[in-house]
Amino acid sequence: MEDIQQIELGNLVVTKKFLDNYLDAVDDRSPIHDKGKHVPPIALAAWALGVILDKLSLPPGAVHTVQEISALRGVLLGQELCGNARCSRPISRKGWRFITTDFVITTISQNEVLKGKTMVMVPENG
């Protein structure tokens, strides 16, 4: 795994297809999503986590252990968002490296919509 401190998450246009893909993945059939234009905050966190894990290029045996999010304002279909993340220096304990990453998702005009933290454990021999 390379030593990444800053991670650009890129841009996301929150489309109906994005929402439908998320709802299918979590098997959410709630009728509340049929007429609404609001995007569940956890869908945005899932997007951020996917990008973070992909960019960290973790070895086999890595385990996602913690996810915290704070929704700061609602997001509607059609909004364009961007995000960035910052990894802390890994901490080693009992054969594992713990990597914590803080992330922020904002609107294009830099209004924060979601903040979060995620942690992964990586075997030191991996």
C-alpha atoms as a PDB file:
ATOM      1  CA  MET A   1       0.000   0.000   0.000  1.00  0.00           C
ATOM      2  CA  GLU A   2       1.443   3.377  -0.940  1.00  0.00           C
ATOM      3  CA  ASP A   3       1.660   6.143   1.648  1.00  0.00           C
ATOM      4  CA  ILE A   4      -1.202   8.474   0.686  1.00  0.00           C
ATOM      5  CA  GLN A   5      -1.949  11.519   2.810  1.00  0.00           C
ATOM      6  CA  GLN A   6      -4.495  13.369   0.627  1.00  0.00           C
ATOM      7  CA  ILE A   7      -7.090  11.687  -1.561  1.00  0.00           C
ATOM      8  CA  GLU A   8      -9.203  13.543  -4.093  1.00  0.00           C
ATOM      9  CA  LEU A   9     -12.554  11.770  -4.342  1.00  0.00           C
ATOM     10  CA  GLY A  10     -13.432  13.518  -7.571  1.00  0.00           C
ATOM     11  CA  ASN A  11     -16.853  14.762  -8.636  1.00  0.00           C
ATOM     12  CA  LEU A  12     -20.224  13.061  -8.411  1.00  0.00           C
ATOM     13  CA  VAL A  13     -23.423  14.139 -10.133  1.00  0.00           C
ATOM     14  CA  VAL A  14     -26.176  12.608  -8.021  1.00  0.00           C
ATOM     15  CA  THR A  15     -28.392  11.031 -10.672  1.00  0.00           C
ATOM     16  CA  LYS A  16     -31.451   8.821 -10.388  1.00  0.00           C
ATOM     17  CA  LYS A  17     -29.279   5.972 -11.664  1.00  0.00           C
ATOM     18  CA  PHE A  18     -26.781   6.593  -8.811  1.00  0.00           C
ATOM     19  CA  LEU A  19     -29.635   6.454  -6.287  1.00  0.00           C
ATOM     20  CA  ASP A  20     -31.226   3.375  -7.890  1.00  0.00           C
ATOM     21  CA  ASN A  21     -27.876   1.538  -7.928  1.00  0.00           C
ATOM     22  CA  TYR A  22     -27.390   2.275  -4.236  1.00  0.00           C
ATOM     23  CA  LEU A  23     -30.944   1.233  -3.315  1.00  0.00           C
ATOM     24  CA  ASP A  24     -30.553  -2.000  -5.316  1.00  0.00           C
ATOM     25  CA  ALA A  25     -27.226  -2.741  -3.624  1.00  0.00           C
ATOM     26  CA  VAL A  26     -28.726  -2.386  -0.137  1.00  0.00           C
ATOM     27  CA  ASP A  27     -32.036  -3.981  -1.182  1.00  0.00           C
ATOM     28  CA  ASP A  28     -34.055  -0.963  -0.037  1.00  0.00           C
ATOM     29  CA  ARG A  29     -37.576  -1.116  -1.490  1.00  0.00           C
ATOM     30  CA  SER A  30     -39.035   1.620   0.683  1.00  0.00           C
ATOM     31  CA  PRO A  31     -41.685   3.649  -1.202  1.00  0.00           C
ATOM     32  CA  ILE A  32     -40.274   6.830   0.336  1.00  0.00           C
ATOM     33  CA  HIS A  33     -37.579   6.812  -2.370  1.00  0.00           C
ATOM     34  CA  ASP A  34     -40.072   6.562  -5.262  1.00  0.00           C
ATOM     35  CA  LYS A  35     -41.271  10.150  -5.147  1.00  0.00           C
ATOM     36  CA  GLY A  36     -38.536  11.829  -3.186  1.00  0.00           C
ATOM     37  CA  LYS A  37     -35.659  13.759  -4.586  1.00  0.00           C
ATOM     38  CA  HIS A  38     -33.516  13.503  -1.458  1.00  0.00           C
ATOM     39  CA  VAL A  39     -30.488  11.237  -1.434  1.00  0.00           C
ATOM     40  CA  PRO A  40     -29.792   9.164   1.692  1.00  0.00           C
ATOM     41  CA  PRO A  41     -26.572  10.409   3.324  1.00  0.00           C
ATOM     42  CA  ILE A  42     -25.301   6.841   3.649  1.00  0.00           C
ATOM     43  CA  ALA A  43     -25.385   6.548  -0.168  1.00  0.00           C
ATOM     44  CA  LEU A  44     -22.900   9.418  -0.344  1.00  0.00           C
ATOM     45  CA  ALA A  45     -20.770   7.825   2.368  1.00  0.00           C
ATOM     46  CA  ALA A  46     -20.762   4.564   0.398  1.00  0.00           C
ATOM     47  CA  TRP A  47     -19.551   6.428  -2.689  1.00  0.00           C
ATOM     48  CA  ALA A  48     -16.758   8.102  -0.687  1.00  0.00           C
ATOM     49  CA  LEU A  49     -15.740   4.829   0.959  1.00  0.00           C
ATOM     50  CA  GLY A  50     -15.592   3.072  -2.402  1.00  0.00           C
ATOM     51  CA  VAL A  51     -13.281   5.718  -3.842  1.00  0.00           C
ATOM     52  CA  ILE A  52     -11.101   5.768  -0.715  1.00  0.00           C
ATOM     53  CA  LEU A  53     -10.672   1.987  -0.591  1.00  0.00           C
ATOM     54  CA  ASP A  54      -9.924   1.872  -4.309  1.00  0.00           C
ATOM     55  CA  LYS A  55      -7.257   4.585  -4.052  1.00  0.00           C
ATOM     56  CA  LEU A  56      -5.629   3.031  -0.981  1.00  0.00           C
ATOM     57  CA  SER A  57      -4.966  -0.168  -2.985  1.00  0.00           C
ATOM     58  CA  LEU A  58      -5.202  -2.323   0.118  1.00  0.00           C
ATOM     59  CA  PRO A  59      -3.649  -5.813   0.193  1.00  0.00           C
ATOM     60  CA  PRO A  60      -5.650  -9.021   0.710  1.00  0.00           C
ATOM     61  CA  GLY A  61      -6.726  -9.449   4.318  1.00  0.00           C
ATOM     62  CA  ALA A  62      -7.587  -5.781   4.907  1.00  0.00           C
ATOM     63  CA  VAL A  63     -10.721  -5.299   6.993  1.00  0.00           C
ATOM     64  CA  HIS A  64     -13.029  -2.264   7.023  1.00  0.00           C
ATOM     65  CA  THR A  65     -13.784  -1.786  10.716  1.00  0.00           C
ATOM     66  CA  VAL A  66     -15.355   1.593  11.462  1.00  0.00           C
ATOM     67  CA  GLN A  67     -17.569   4.075   9.639  1.00  0.00           C
ATOM     68  CA  GLU A  68     -18.819   7.349  11.125  1.00  0.00           C
ATOM     69  CA  ILE A  69     -20.784   9.996   9.236  1.00  0.00           C
ATOM     70  CA  SER A  70     -22.353  13.346   9.993  1.00  0.00           C
ATOM     71  CA  ALA A  71     -24.958  14.612   7.535  1.00  0.00           C
ATOM     72  CA  LEU A  72     -24.762  18.400   7.510  1.00  0.00           C
ATOM     73  CA  ARG A  73     -27.386  19.262   4.888  1.00  0.00           C
ATOM     74  CA  GLY A  74     -29.679  17.475   2.466  1.00  0.00           C
ATOM     75  CA  VAL A  75     -28.648  16.512  -1.041  1.00  0.00           C
ATOM     76  CA  LEU A  76     -31.089  16.437  -3.941  1.00  0.00           C
ATOM     77  CA  LEU A  77     -31.003  14.495  -7.167  1.00  0.00           C
ATOM     78  CA  GLY A  78     -29.126  16.443  -9.807  1.00  0.00           C
ATOM     79  CA  GLN A  79     -26.674  18.113  -7.454  1.00  0.00           C
ATOM     80  CA  GLU A  80     -22.981  17.988  -8.286  1.00  0.00           C
ATOM     81  CA  LEU A  81     -20.702  17.154  -5.396  1.00  0.00           C
ATOM     82  CA  CYS A  82     -16.992  16.755  -4.832  1.00  0.00           C
ATOM     83  CA  GLY A  83     -14.938  15.382  -2.023  1.00  0.00           C
ATOM     84  CA  ASN A  84     -11.561  14.914  -0.502  1.00  0.00           C
ATOM     85  CA  ALA A  85     -10.044  12.805   2.223  1.00  0.00           C
ATOM     86  CA  ARG A  86      -7.015  12.796   4.467  1.00  0.00           C
ATOM     87  CA  CYS A  87      -5.338   9.677   5.826  1.00  0.00           C
ATOM     88  CA  SER A  88      -3.699   9.689   9.215  1.00  0.00           C
ATOM     89  CA  ARG A  89      -0.335   8.036   9.748  1.00  0.00           C
ATOM     90  CA  PRO A  90      -0.918   4.278  10.230  1.00  0.00           C
ATOM     91  CA  ILE A  91      -0.718   2.976  13.796  1.00  0.00           C
ATOM     92  CA  SER A  92       0.699  -0.530  14.352  1.00  0.00           C
ATOM     93  CA  ARG A  93      -0.651  -2.875  17.026  1.00  0.00           C
ATOM     94  CA  LYS A  94      -0.415  -6.646  17.433  1.00  0.00           C
ATOM     95  CA  GLY A  95       0.404  -7.408  13.805  1.00  0.00           C
ATOM     96  CA  TRP A  96      -2.053  -4.934  12.264  1.00  0.00           C
ATOM     97  CA  ARG A  97      -1.773  -1.433  10.827  1.00  0.00           C
ATOM     98  CA  PHE A  98      -4.776   0.794  11.535  1.00  0.00           C
ATOM     99  CA  ILE A  99      -5.425   3.478   8.912  1.00  0.00           C
ATOM    100  CA  THR A 100      -7.971   6.191   9.657  1.00  0.00           C
ATOM    101  CA  THR A 101      -9.257   8.425   6.878  1.00  0.00           C
ATOM    102  CA  ASP A 102     -11.371  11.547   7.375  1.00  0.00           C
ATOM    103  CA  PHE A 103     -13.452  12.718   4.421  1.00  0.00           C
ATOM    104  CA  VAL A 104     -15.629  15.673   3.471  1.00  0.00           C
ATOM    105  CA  ILE A 105     -18.172  15.881   0.659  1.00  0.00           C
ATOM    106  CA  THR A 106     -19.185  19.356  -0.501  1.00  0.00           C
ATOM    107  CA  THR A 107     -21.294  20.999  -3.144  1.00  0.00           C
ATOM    108  CA  ILE A 108     -19.402  22.595  -6.027  1.00  0.00           C
ATOM    109  CA  SER A 109     -19.812  25.919  -4.201  1.00  0.00           C
ATOM    110  CA  GLN A 110     -17.955  24.354  -1.214  1.00  0.00           C
ATOM    111  CA  ASN A 111     -20.929  23.947   1.143  1.00  0.00           C
ATOM    112  CA  GLU A 112     -20.239  20.866   3.270  1.00  0.00           C
ATOM    113  CA  VAL A 113     -22.969  18.223   3.027  1.00  0.00           C
ATOM    114  CA  LEU A 114     -21.337  15.217   4.703  1.00  0.00           C
ATOM    115  CA  LYS A 115     -18.316  14.525   6.883  1.00  0.00           C
ATOM    116  CA  GLY A 116     -17.077  11.138   7.858  1.00  0.00           C
ATOM    117  CA  LYS A 117     -14.345   8.916   9.155  1.00  0.00           C
ATOM    118  CA  THR A 118     -13.466   5.399   8.164  1.00  0.00           C
ATOM    119  CA  MET A 119     -10.902   2.956   9.480  1.00  0.00           C
ATOM    120  CA  VAL A 120      -9.318  -0.121   7.965  1.00  0.00           C
ATOM    121  CA  MET A 121      -7.042  -2.738   9.504  1.00  0.00           C
ATOM    122  CA  VAL A 122      -4.262  -4.100   7.319  1.00  0.00           C
ATOM    123  CA  PRO A 123      -2.185  -7.143   8.285  1.00  0.00           C
ATOM    124  CA  GLU A 124       1.427  -6.062   8.737  1.00  0.00           C
ATOM    125  CA  ASN A 125       2.614  -9.022   6.696  1.00  0.00           C
ATOM    126  CA  GLY A 126       0.270  -8.009   3.843  1.00  0.00           C
END
